[in-house]
Amino acid sequence: TDEYKNWLHKQFDKGEIPKRAISLMWNQRSVDTFLGLPFNIASY
């Protein structure tokens, strides 16, 4: 039921369960693939 769904959401809100997911896309003009890229991936 919608009531149960709403109840679940309220329980998760009380438990500080996030409501959203976030993604990130970076753009890179020049890529030193061997030395630099592993750092770029981890950094972002």
All heavy atoms as atom14 arrays in JSON, in Angstrom:
{
  "sequence": "TDEYKNWLHKQFDKGEIPKRAISLMWNQRSVDTFLGLPFNIASY",
  "atom14_mask": [
    [1, 1, 1, 1, 1, 1, 1, 0, 0, 0, 0, 0, 0, 0],
    [1, 1, 1, 1, 1, 1, 1, 1, 0, 0, 0, 0, 0, 0],
    [1, 1, 1, 1, 1, 1, 1, 1, 1, 0, 0, 0, 0, 0],
    [1, 1, 1, 1, 1, 1, 1, 1, 1, 1, 1, 1, 0, 0],
    [1, 1, 1, 1, 1, 1, 1, 1, 1, 0, 0, 0, 0, 0],
    [1, 1, 1, 1, 1, 1, 1, 1, 0, 0, 0, 0, 0, 0],
    [1, 1, 1, 1, 1, 1, 1, 1, 1, 1, 1, 1, 1, 1],
    [1, 1, 1, 1, 1, 1, 1, 1, 0, 0, 0, 0, 0, 0],
    [1, 1, 1, 1, 1, 1, 1, 1, 1, 1, 0, 0, 0, 0],
    [1, 1, 1, 1, 1, 1, 1, 1, 1, 0, 0, 0, 0, 0],
    [1, 1, 1, 1, 1, 1, 1, 1, 1, 0, 0, 0, 0, 0],
    [1, 1, 1, 1, 1, 1, 1, 1, 1, 1, 1, 0, 0, 0],
    [1, 1, 1, 1, 1, 1, 1, 1, 0, 0, 0, 0, 0, 0],
    [1, 1, 1, 1, 1, 1, 1, 1, 1, 0, 0, 0, 0, 0],
    [1, 1, 1, 1, 0, 0, 0, 0, 0, 0, 0, 0, 0, 0],
    [1, 1, 1, 1, 1, 1, 1, 1, 1, 0, 0, 0, 0, 0],
    [1, 1, 1, 1, 1, 1, 1, 1, 0, 0, 0, 0, 0, 0],
    [1, 1, 1, 1, 1, 1, 1, 0, 0, 0, 0, 0, 0, 0],
    [1, 1, 1, 1, 1, 1, 1, 1, 1, 0, 0, 0, 0, 0],
    [1, 1, 1, 1, 1, 1, 1, 1, 1, 1, 1, 0, 0, 0],
    [1, 1, 1, 1, 1, 0, 0, 0, 0, 0, 0, 0, 0, 0],
    [1, 1, 1, 1, 1, 1, 1, 1, 0, 0, 0, 0, 0, 0],
    [1, 1, 1, 1, 1, 1, 0, 0, 0, 0, 0, 0, 0, 0],
    [1, 1, 1, 1, 1, 1, 1, 1, 0, 0, 0, 0, 0, 0],
    [1, 1, 1, 1, 1, 1, 1, 1, 0, 0, 0, 0, 0, 0],
    [1, 1, 1, 1, 1, 1, 1, 1, 1, 1, 1, 1, 1, 1],
    [1, 1, 1, 1, 1, 1, 1, 1, 0, 0, 0, 0, 0, 0],
    [1, 1, 1, 1, 1, 1, 1, 1, 1, 0, 0, 0, 0, 0],
    [1, 1, 1, 1, 1, 1, 1, 1, 1, 1, 1, 0, 0, 0],
    [1, 1, 1, 1, 1, 1, 0, 0, 0, 0, 0, 0, 0, 0],
    [1, 1, 1, 1, 1, 1, 1, 0, 0, 0, 0, 0, 0, 0],
    [1, 1, 1, 1, 1, 1, 1, 1, 0, 0, 0, 0, 0, 0],
    [1, 1, 1, 1, 1, 1, 1, 0, 0, 0, 0, 0, 0, 0],
    [1, 1, 1, 1, 1, 1, 1, 1, 1, 1, 1, 0, 0, 0],
    [1, 1, 1, 1, 1, 1, 1, 1, 0, 0, 0, 0, 0, 0],
    [1, 1, 1, 1, 0, 0, 0, 0, 0, 0, 0, 0, 0, 0],
    [1, 1, 1, 1, 1, 1, 1, 1, 0, 0, 0, 0, 0, 0],
    [1, 1, 1, 1, 1, 1, 1, 0, 0, 0, 0, 0, 0, 0],
    [1, 1, 1, 1, 1, 1, 1, 1, 1, 1, 1, 0, 0, 0],
    [1, 1, 1, 1, 1, 1, 1, 1, 0, 0, 0, 0, 0, 0],
    [1, 1, 1, 1, 1, 1, 1, 1, 0, 0, 0, 0, 0, 0],
    [1, 1, 1, 1, 1, 0, 0, 0, 0, 0, 0, 0, 0, 0],
    [1, 1, 1, 1, 1, 1, 0, 0, 0, 0, 0, 0, 0, 0],
    [1, 1, 1, 1, 1, 1, 1, 1, 1, 1, 1, 1, 0, 0]
  ],
  "atom14_positions": [
    [[0.82, -1.2, 0.0], [0.0, 0.0, 0.0], [0.85, 1.25, 0.0], [2.04, 1.24, 0.38], [-0.9, 0.03, 1.24], [-0.09, 0.1, 2.42], [-1.78, -1.23, 1.29], [0.0, 0.0, 0.0], [0.0, 0.0, 0.0], [0.0, 0.0, 0.0], [0.0, 0.0, 0.0], [0.0, 0.0, 0.0], [0.0, 0.0, 0.0], [0.0, 0.0, 0.0]],
    [[0.27, 2.35, -0.45], [0.95, 3.64, -0.4], [1.28, 4.01, 1.03], [2.31, 4.64, 1.29], [0.08, 4.72, -1.04], [-0.03, 4.56, -2.54], [0.85, 3.9, -3.14], [-1.0, 5.11, -3.13], [0.0, 0.0, 0.0], [0.0, 0.0, 0.0], [0.0, 0.0, 0.0], [0.0, 0.0, 0.0], [0.0, 0.0, 0.0], [0.0, 0.0, 0.0]],
    [[0.41, 3.61, 1.96], [0.66, 3.89, 3.37], [1.95, 3.22, 3.84], [2.75, 3.81, 4.57], [-0.53, 3.44, 4.23], [-1.78, 4.3, 4.09], [-2.56, 3.98, 2.83], [-2.26, 2.95, 2.16], [-3.47, 4.76, 2.51], [0.0, 0.0, 0.0], [0.0, 0.0, 0.0], [0.0, 0.0, 0.0], [0.0, 0.0, 0.0], [0.0, 0.0, 0.0]],
    [[2.14, 1.95, 3.39], [3.34, 1.22, 3.78], [4.58, 1.84, 3.15], [5.63, 1.98, 3.8], [3.23, -0.25, 3.39], [4.42, -1.08, 3.8], [4.78, -1.21, 5.13], [5.2, -1.72, 2.85], [5.88, -1.96, 5.51], [6.3, -2.49, 3.22], [6.65, -2.6, 4.55], [7.73, -3.35, 4.92], [0.0, 0.0, 0.0], [0.0, 0.0, 0.0]],
    [[4.46, 2.26, 1.89], [5.59, 2.91, 1.23], [5.96, 4.2, 1.95], [7.14, 4.46, 2.2], [5.24, 3.22, -0.23], [5.02, 2.01, -1.1], [4.61, 2.44, -2.51], [4.13, 1.3, -3.34], [3.65, 1.76, -4.67], [0.0, 0.0, 0.0], [0.0, 0.0, 0.0], [0.0, 0.0, 0.0], [0.0, 0.0, 0.0], [0.0, 0.0, 0.0]],
    [[4.96, 5.0, 2.29], [5.21, 6.24, 2.99], [5.84, 5.98, 4.36], [6.73, 6.71, 4.81], [3.92, 7.06, 3.14], [3.42, 7.58, 1.8], [4.19, 7.8, 0.87], [2.11, 7.79, 1.7], [0.0, 0.0, 0.0], [0.0, 0.0, 0.0], [0.0, 0.0, 0.0], [0.0, 0.0, 0.0], [0.0, 0.0, 0.0], [0.0, 0.0, 0.0]],
    [[5.34, 4.93, 5.03], [5.89, 4.58, 6.33], [7.37, 4.2, 6.2], [8.2, 4.6, 7.02], [5.1, 3.42, 6.93], [5.64, 2.98, 8.27], [5.37, 3.52, 9.49], [6.55, 1.9, 8.5], [6.05, 2.85, 10.47], [6.79, 1.85, 9.89], [7.17, 0.97, 7.67], [7.63, 0.91, 10.47], [8.02, 0.04, 8.24], [8.24, 0.01, 9.62]],
    [[7.69, 3.42, 5.15], [9.09, 3.03, 4.93], [9.97, 4.26, 4.71], [11.04, 4.39, 5.31], [9.2, 2.11, 3.72], [8.81, 0.65, 3.92], [8.87, -0.1, 2.59], [9.74, -0.02, 4.93], [0.0, 0.0, 0.0], [0.0, 0.0, 0.0], [0.0, 0.0, 0.0], [0.0, 0.0, 0.0], [0.0, 0.0, 0.0], [0.0, 0.0, 0.0]],
    [[9.5, 5.18, 3.86], [10.28, 6.39, 3.6], [10.52, 7.17, 4.88], [11.63, 7.69, 5.11], [9.58, 7.27, 2.57], [9.81, 6.84, 1.15], [11.07, 6.79, 0.58], [8.94, 6.45, 0.18], [10.98, 6.38, -0.68], [9.69, 6.17, -0.94], [0.0, 0.0, 0.0], [0.0, 0.0, 0.0], [0.0, 0.0, 0.0], [0.0, 0.0, 0.0]],
    [[9.5, 7.25, 5.75], [9.65, 7.98, 7.01], [10.66, 7.29, 7.92], [11.45, 7.95, 8.59], [8.29, 8.1, 7.7], [7.33, 9.06, 7.0], [6.0, 9.13, 7.72], [5.05, 10.09, 7.0], [3.71, 10.16, 7.68], [0.0, 0.0, 0.0], [0.0, 0.0, 0.0], [0.0, 0.0, 0.0], [0.0, 0.0, 0.0], [0.0, 0.0, 0.0]],
    [[10.63, 5.95, 7.93], [11.61, 5.22, 8.74], [13.03, 5.49, 8.24], [13.95, 5.67, 9.02], [11.31, 3.72, 8.7], [9.96, 3.32, 9.27], [9.76, 3.84, 10.67], [10.56, 3.6, 11.59], [8.68, 4.59, 10.85], [0.0, 0.0, 0.0], [0.0, 0.0, 0.0], [0.0, 0.0, 0.0], [0.0, 0.0, 0.0], [0.0, 0.0, 0.0]],
    [[13.18, 5.5, 6.92], [14.5, 5.75, 6.35], [14.95, 7.18, 6.6], [16.13, 7.44, 6.83], [14.49, 5.45, 4.85], [14.16, 4.02, 4.52], [13.52, 3.69, 3.33], [14.48, 3.0, 5.4], [13.22, 2.39, 3.02], [14.18, 1.67, 5.09], [13.54, 1.37, 3.91], [0.0, 0.0, 0.0], [0.0, 0.0, 0.0], [0.0, 0.0, 0.0]],
    [[14.01, 8.13, 6.57], [14.35, 9.52, 6.87], [14.85, 9.64, 8.31], [15.83, 10.33, 8.58], [13.15, 10.44, 6.66], [12.77, 10.56, 5.19], [13.59, 10.21, 4.32], [11.62, 11.01, 4.92], [0.0, 0.0, 0.0], [0.0, 0.0, 0.0], [0.0, 0.0, 0.0], [0.0, 0.0, 0.0], [0.0, 0.0, 0.0], [0.0, 0.0, 0.0]],
    [[14.17, 8.97, 9.24], [14.58, 8.99, 10.64], [15.97, 8.38, 10.81], [16.75, 8.82, 11.65], [13.58, 8.24, 11.51], [12.22, 8.91, 11.66], [11.3, 8.05, 12.51], [9.91, 8.69, 12.62], [8.98, 7.84, 13.43], [0.0, 0.0, 0.0], [0.0, 0.0, 0.0], [0.0, 0.0, 0.0], [0.0, 0.0, 0.0], [0.0, 0.0, 0.0]],
    [[16.24, 7.35, 10.01], [17.53, 6.68, 10.08], [18.6, 7.32, 9.24], [19.69, 6.76, 9.08], [0.0, 0.0, 0.0], [0.0, 0.0, 0.0], [0.0, 0.0, 0.0], [0.0, 0.0, 0.0], [0.0, 0.0, 0.0], [0.0, 0.0, 0.0], [0.0, 0.0, 0.0], [0.0, 0.0, 0.0], [0.0, 0.0, 0.0], [0.0, 0.0, 0.0]],
    [[18.31, 8.52, 8.7], [19.25, 9.28, 7.88], [19.73, 8.48, 6.67], [20.91, 8.5, 6.32], [20.44, 9.76, 8.72], [20.05, 10.71, 9.84], [21.24, 11.24, 10.61], [22.32, 10.61, 10.56], [21.11, 12.31, 11.24], [0.0, 0.0, 0.0], [0.0, 0.0, 0.0], [0.0, 0.0, 0.0], [0.0, 0.0, 0.0], [0.0, 0.0, 0.0]],
    [[18.8, 7.75, 6.05], [19.09, 7.05, 4.81], [18.92, 8.02, 3.66], [17.85, 8.62, 3.5], [18.17, 5.83, 4.63], [18.24, 4.88, 5.83], [18.5, 5.1, 3.34], [19.6, 4.3, 6.08], [0.0, 0.0, 0.0], [0.0, 0.0, 0.0], [0.0, 0.0, 0.0], [0.0, 0.0, 0.0], [0.0, 0.0, 0.0], [0.0, 0.0, 0.0]],
    [[19.94, 8.23, 2.83], [19.84, 9.21, 1.74], [18.67, 8.95, 0.8], [18.26, 7.8, 0.59], [21.18, 9.05, 1.01], [22.11, 8.52, 2.05], [21.28, 7.61, 2.9], [0.0, 0.0, 0.0], [0.0, 0.0, 0.0], [0.0, 0.0, 0.0], [0.0, 0.0, 0.0], [0.0, 0.0, 0.0], [0.0, 0.0, 0.0], [0.0, 0.0, 0.0]],
    [[18.17, 10.03, 0.21], [17.07, 9.94, -0.73], [17.53, 9.96, -2.18], [16.77, 9.58, -3.08], [16.09, 11.1, -0.51], [15.4, 11.11, 0.85], [14.48, 12.31, 0.96], [13.76, 12.32, 2.31], [12.86, 13.48, 2.45], [0.0, 0.0, 0.0], [0.0, 0.0, 0.0], [0.0, 0.0, 0.0], [0.0, 0.0, 0.0], [0.0, 0.0, 0.0]],
    [[18.75, 10.44, -2.42], [19.23, 10.61, -3.78], [20.6, 9.99, -3.99], [21.38, 9.81, -3.04], [19.29, 12.11, -4.14], [17.94, 12.72, -4.48], [18.07, 14.17, -4.91], [16.81, 14.66, -5.42], [16.46, 14.71, -6.69], [17.29, 14.3, -7.61], [15.27, 15.18, -7.06], [0.0, 0.0, 0.0], [0.0, 0.0, 0.0], [0.0, 0.0, 0.0]],
    [[20.87, 9.69, -5.25], [22.19, 9.26, -5.68], [22.78, 10.35, -6.56], [22.05, 11.05, -7.27], [22.11, 7.94, -6.46], [0.0, 0.0, 0.0], [0.0, 0.0, 0.0], [0.0, 0.0, 0.0], [0.0, 0.0, 0.0], [0.0, 0.0, 0.0], [0.0, 0.0, 0.0], [0.0, 0.0, 0.0], [0.0, 0.0, 0.0], [0.0, 0.0, 0.0]],
    [[24.11, 10.49, -6.55], [24.77, 11.53, -7.31], [25.89, 10.93, -8.15], [26.67, 10.1, -7.66], [25.32, 12.65, -6.38], [26.01, 13.75, -7.19], [26.23, 12.1, -5.31], [26.35, 14.98, -6.37], [0.0, 0.0, 0.0], [0.0, 0.0, 0.0], [0.0, 0.0, 0.0], [0.0, 0.0, 0.0], [0.0, 0.0, 0.0], [0.0, 0.0, 0.0]],
    [[25.97, 11.32, -9.4], [27.01, 10.89, -10.33], [27.87, 12.08, -10.72], [27.44, 13.24, -10.64], [26.4, 10.26, -11.58], [25.64, 9.11, -11.26], [0.0, 0.0, 0.0], [0.0, 0.0, 0.0], [0.0, 0.0, 0.0], [0.0, 0.0, 0.0], [0.0, 0.0, 0.0], [0.0, 0.0, 0.0], [0.0, 0.0, 0.0], [0.0, 0.0, 0.0]],
    [[29.1, 11.79, -11.16], [30.02, 12.85, -11.58], [30.68, 12.43, -12.89], [31.13, 11.3, -13.04], [31.08, 13.1, -10.5], [32.1, 14.23, -10.75], [32.54, 14.84, -9.42], [33.32, 13.75, -11.52], [0.0, 0.0, 0.0], [0.0, 0.0, 0.0], [0.0, 0.0, 0.0], [0.0, 0.0, 0.0], [0.0, 0.0, 0.0], [0.0, 0.0, 0.0]],
    [[30.75, 13.38, -13.82], [31.44, 13.19, -15.09], [32.46, 14.3, -15.26], [32.12, 15.47, -15.19], [30.44, 13.21, -16.25], [31.06, 13.04, -17.64], [29.8, 13.0, -18.94], [29.22, 14.71, -18.89], [0.0, 0.0, 0.0], [0.0, 0.0, 0.0], [0.0, 0.0, 0.0], [0.0, 0.0, 0.0], [0.0, 0.0, 0.0], [0.0, 0.0, 0.0]],
    [[33.74, 13.91, -15.44], [34.76, 14.93, -15.69], [35.22, 14.86, -17.15], [35.17, 13.82, -17.79], [35.93, 14.8, -14.71], [37.02, 13.84, -15.11], [38.15, 14.13, -15.82], [37.1, 12.44, -14.79], [38.93, 13.0, -15.96], [38.31, 11.95, -15.34], [36.27, 11.56, -14.09], [38.7, 10.62, -15.22], [36.66, 10.23, -13.97], [37.86, 9.78, -14.53]],
    [[35.69, 15.99, -17.67], [36.19, 16.11, -19.03], [37.68, 16.44, -18.98], [38.11, 17.32, -18.22], [35.44, 17.2, -19.79], [33.96, 16.86, -19.95], [33.61, 15.85, -20.53], [33.1, 17.71, -19.42], [0.0, 0.0, 0.0], [0.0, 0.0, 0.0], [0.0, 0.0, 0.0], [0.0, 0.0, 0.0], [0.0, 0.0, 0.0], [0.0, 0.0, 0.0]],
    [[38.45, 15.77, -19.81], [39.9, 15.92, -19.78], [40.44, 16.04, -21.2], [40.22, 15.18, -22.04], [40.54, 14.72, -19.06], [42.0, 14.87, -18.73], [42.46, 13.93, -17.63], [41.64, 13.37, -16.9], [43.76, 13.78, -17.47], [0.0, 0.0, 0.0], [0.0, 0.0, 0.0], [0.0, 0.0, 0.0], [0.0, 0.0, 0.0], [0.0, 0.0, 0.0]],
    [[41.15, 17.14, -21.47], [41.65, 17.4, -22.82], [42.91, 16.61, -23.14], [43.16, 16.24, -24.28], [41.95, 18.9, -23.0], [43.06, 19.41, -22.13], [43.53, 20.8, -22.43], [44.6, 21.18, -21.53], [45.9, 20.91, -21.73], [46.27, 20.28, -22.84], [46.81, 21.29, -20.85], [0.0, 0.0, 0.0], [0.0, 0.0, 0.0], [0.0, 0.0, 0.0]],
    [[43.75, 16.41, -22.11], [45.05, 15.76, -22.29], [45.22, 14.73, -21.19], [45.1, 15.05, -20.01], [46.18, 16.79, -22.25], [47.45, 16.18, -22.33], [0.0, 0.0, 0.0], [0.0, 0.0, 0.0], [0.0, 0.0, 0.0], [0.0, 0.0, 0.0], [0.0, 0.0, 0.0], [0.0, 0.0, 0.0], [0.0, 0.0, 0.0], [0.0, 0.0, 0.0]],
    [[45.52, 13.49, -21.57], [45.53, 12.38, -20.61], [46.86, 11.64, -20.67], [47.15, 10.93, -21.64], [44.37, 11.4, -20.89], [44.31, 10.33, -19.79], [43.05, 12.13, -21.01], [0.0, 0.0, 0.0], [0.0, 0.0, 0.0], [0.0, 0.0, 0.0], [0.0, 0.0, 0.0], [0.0, 0.0, 0.0], [0.0, 0.0, 0.0], [0.0, 0.0, 0.0]],
    [[47.68, 11.81, -19.64], [48.88, 10.99, -19.46], [48.39, 9.65, -18.91], [48.21, 9.49, -17.71], [49.84, 11.69, -18.49], [51.08, 10.86, -18.16], [51.19, 9.71, -18.64], [51.94, 11.36, -17.4], [0.0, 0.0, 0.0], [0.0, 0.0, 0.0], [0.0, 0.0, 0.0], [0.0, 0.0, 0.0], [0.0, 0.0, 0.0], [0.0, 0.0, 0.0]],
    [[48.19, 8.7, -19.79], [47.44, 7.5, -19.44], [48.15, 6.64, -18.4], [47.51, 6.09, -17.51], [47.14, 6.67, -20.7], [46.48, 7.5, -21.66], [46.23, 5.49, -20.37], [0.0, 0.0, 0.0], [0.0, 0.0, 0.0], [0.0, 0.0, 0.0], [0.0, 0.0, 0.0], [0.0, 0.0, 0.0], [0.0, 0.0, 0.0], [0.0, 0.0, 0.0]],
    [[49.46, 6.52, -18.49], [50.14, 5.61, -17.59], [50.34, 6.19, -16.2], [50.03, 5.53, -15.2], [51.49, 5.17, -18.16], [52.11, 4.05, -17.37], [51.64, 2.76, -17.5], [53.13, 4.29, -16.47], [52.18, 1.72, -16.75], [53.68, 3.27, -15.72], [53.21, 1.98, -15.87], [0.0, 0.0, 0.0], [0.0, 0.0, 0.0], [0.0, 0.0, 0.0]],
    [[50.82, 7.43, -16.09], [51.11, 8.0, -14.78], [49.96, 8.84, -14.25], [49.64, 8.77, -13.06], [52.38, 8.86, -14.84], [53.71, 8.13, -15.0], [54.86, 9.13, -15.05], [53.93, 7.12, -13.88], [0.0, 0.0, 0.0], [0.0, 0.0, 0.0], [0.0, 0.0, 0.0], [0.0, 0.0, 0.0], [0.0, 0.0, 0.0], [0.0, 0.0, 0.0]],
    [[49.34, 9.65, -15.1], [48.36, 10.6, -14.62], [46.95, 10.07, -14.45], [46.28, 10.38, -13.46], [0.0, 0.0, 0.0], [0.0, 0.0, 0.0], [0.0, 0.0, 0.0], [0.0, 0.0, 0.0], [0.0, 0.0, 0.0], [0.0, 0.0, 0.0], [0.0, 0.0, 0.0], [0.0, 0.0, 0.0], [0.0, 0.0, 0.0], [0.0, 0.0, 0.0]],
    [[46.47, 9.27, -15.41], [45.07, 8.85, -15.4], [44.68, 8.08, -14.14], [43.59, 8.31, -13.6], [44.76, 8.05, -16.65], [43.3, 7.6, -16.81], [42.34, 8.77, -16.76], [43.11, 6.8, -18.11], [0.0, 0.0, 0.0], [0.0, 0.0, 0.0], [0.0, 0.0, 0.0], [0.0, 0.0, 0.0], [0.0, 0.0, 0.0], [0.0, 0.0, 0.0]],
    [[45.48, 7.14, -13.63], [45.09, 6.47, -12.37], [44.83, 7.46, -11.23], [43.92, 7.24, -10.42], [46.29, 5.57, -12.07], [46.88, 5.28, -13.41], [46.73, 6.55, -14.19], [0.0, 0.0, 0.0], [0.0, 0.0, 0.0], [0.0, 0.0, 0.0], [0.0, 0.0, 0.0], [0.0, 0.0, 0.0], [0.0, 0.0, 0.0], [0.0, 0.0, 0.0]],
    [[45.6, 8.55, -11.18], [45.37, 9.59, -10.17], [44.07, 10.34, -10.47], [43.3, 10.64, -9.54], [46.54, 10.57, -10.13], [47.67, 10.13, -9.24], [48.54, 9.14, -9.64], [47.85, 10.7, -8.0], [49.58, 8.73, -8.83], [48.89, 10.3, -7.18], [49.75, 9.31, -7.58], [0.0, 0.0, 0.0], [0.0, 0.0, 0.0], [0.0, 0.0, 0.0]],
    [[43.84, 10.68, -11.74], [42.63, 11.4, -12.11], [41.38, 10.62, -11.73], [40.42, 11.17, -11.18], [42.61, 11.7, -13.6], [43.78, 12.53, -14.08], [44.36, 12.27, -15.14], [44.2, 13.53, -13.31], [0.0, 0.0, 0.0], [0.0, 0.0, 0.0], [0.0, 0.0, 0.0], [0.0, 0.0, 0.0], [0.0, 0.0, 0.0], [0.0, 0.0, 0.0]],
    [[41.37, 9.33, -12.03], [40.21, 8.49, -11.72], [39.95, 8.48, -10.22], [38.83, 8.7, -9.76], [40.43, 7.05, -12.24], [40.52, 7.04, -13.77], [39.31, 6.13, -11.76], [40.96, 5.69, -14.34], [0.0, 0.0, 0.0], [0.0, 0.0, 0.0], [0.0, 0.0, 0.0], [0.0, 0.0, 0.0], [0.0, 0.0, 0.0], [0.0, 0.0, 0.0]],
    [[40.99, 8.22, -9.44], [40.84, 8.16, -7.99], [40.47, 9.52, -7.41], [39.66, 9.61, -6.48], [42.13, 7.65, -7.35], [0.0, 0.0, 0.0], [0.0, 0.0, 0.0], [0.0, 0.0, 0.0], [0.0, 0.0, 0.0], [0.0, 0.0, 0.0], [0.0, 0.0, 0.0], [0.0, 0.0, 0.0], [0.0, 0.0, 0.0], [0.0, 0.0, 0.0]],
    [[41.05, 10.6, -7.95], [40.78, 11.94, -7.44], [39.33, 12.33, -7.63], [38.68, 12.82, -6.7], [41.7, 12.95, -8.14], [41.47, 14.26, -7.66], [0.0, 0.0, 0.0], [0.0, 0.0, 0.0], [0.0, 0.0, 0.0], [0.0, 0.0, 0.0], [0.0, 0.0, 0.0], [0.0, 0.0, 0.0], [0.0, 0.0, 0.0], [0.0, 0.0, 0.0]],
    [[38.77, 12.09, -8.82], [37.38, 12.44, -9.02], [36.45, 11.47, -8.3], [35.34, 11.83, -7.92], [37.06, 12.53, -10.52], [37.47, 13.88, -11.08], [38.61, 14.02, -11.85], [36.72, 15.01, -10.8], [39.0, 15.26, -12.33], [37.1, 16.26, -11.28], [38.23, 16.38, -12.04], [38.62, 17.62, -12.5], [0.0, 0.0, 0.0], [0.0, 0.0, 0.0]]
  ]
}
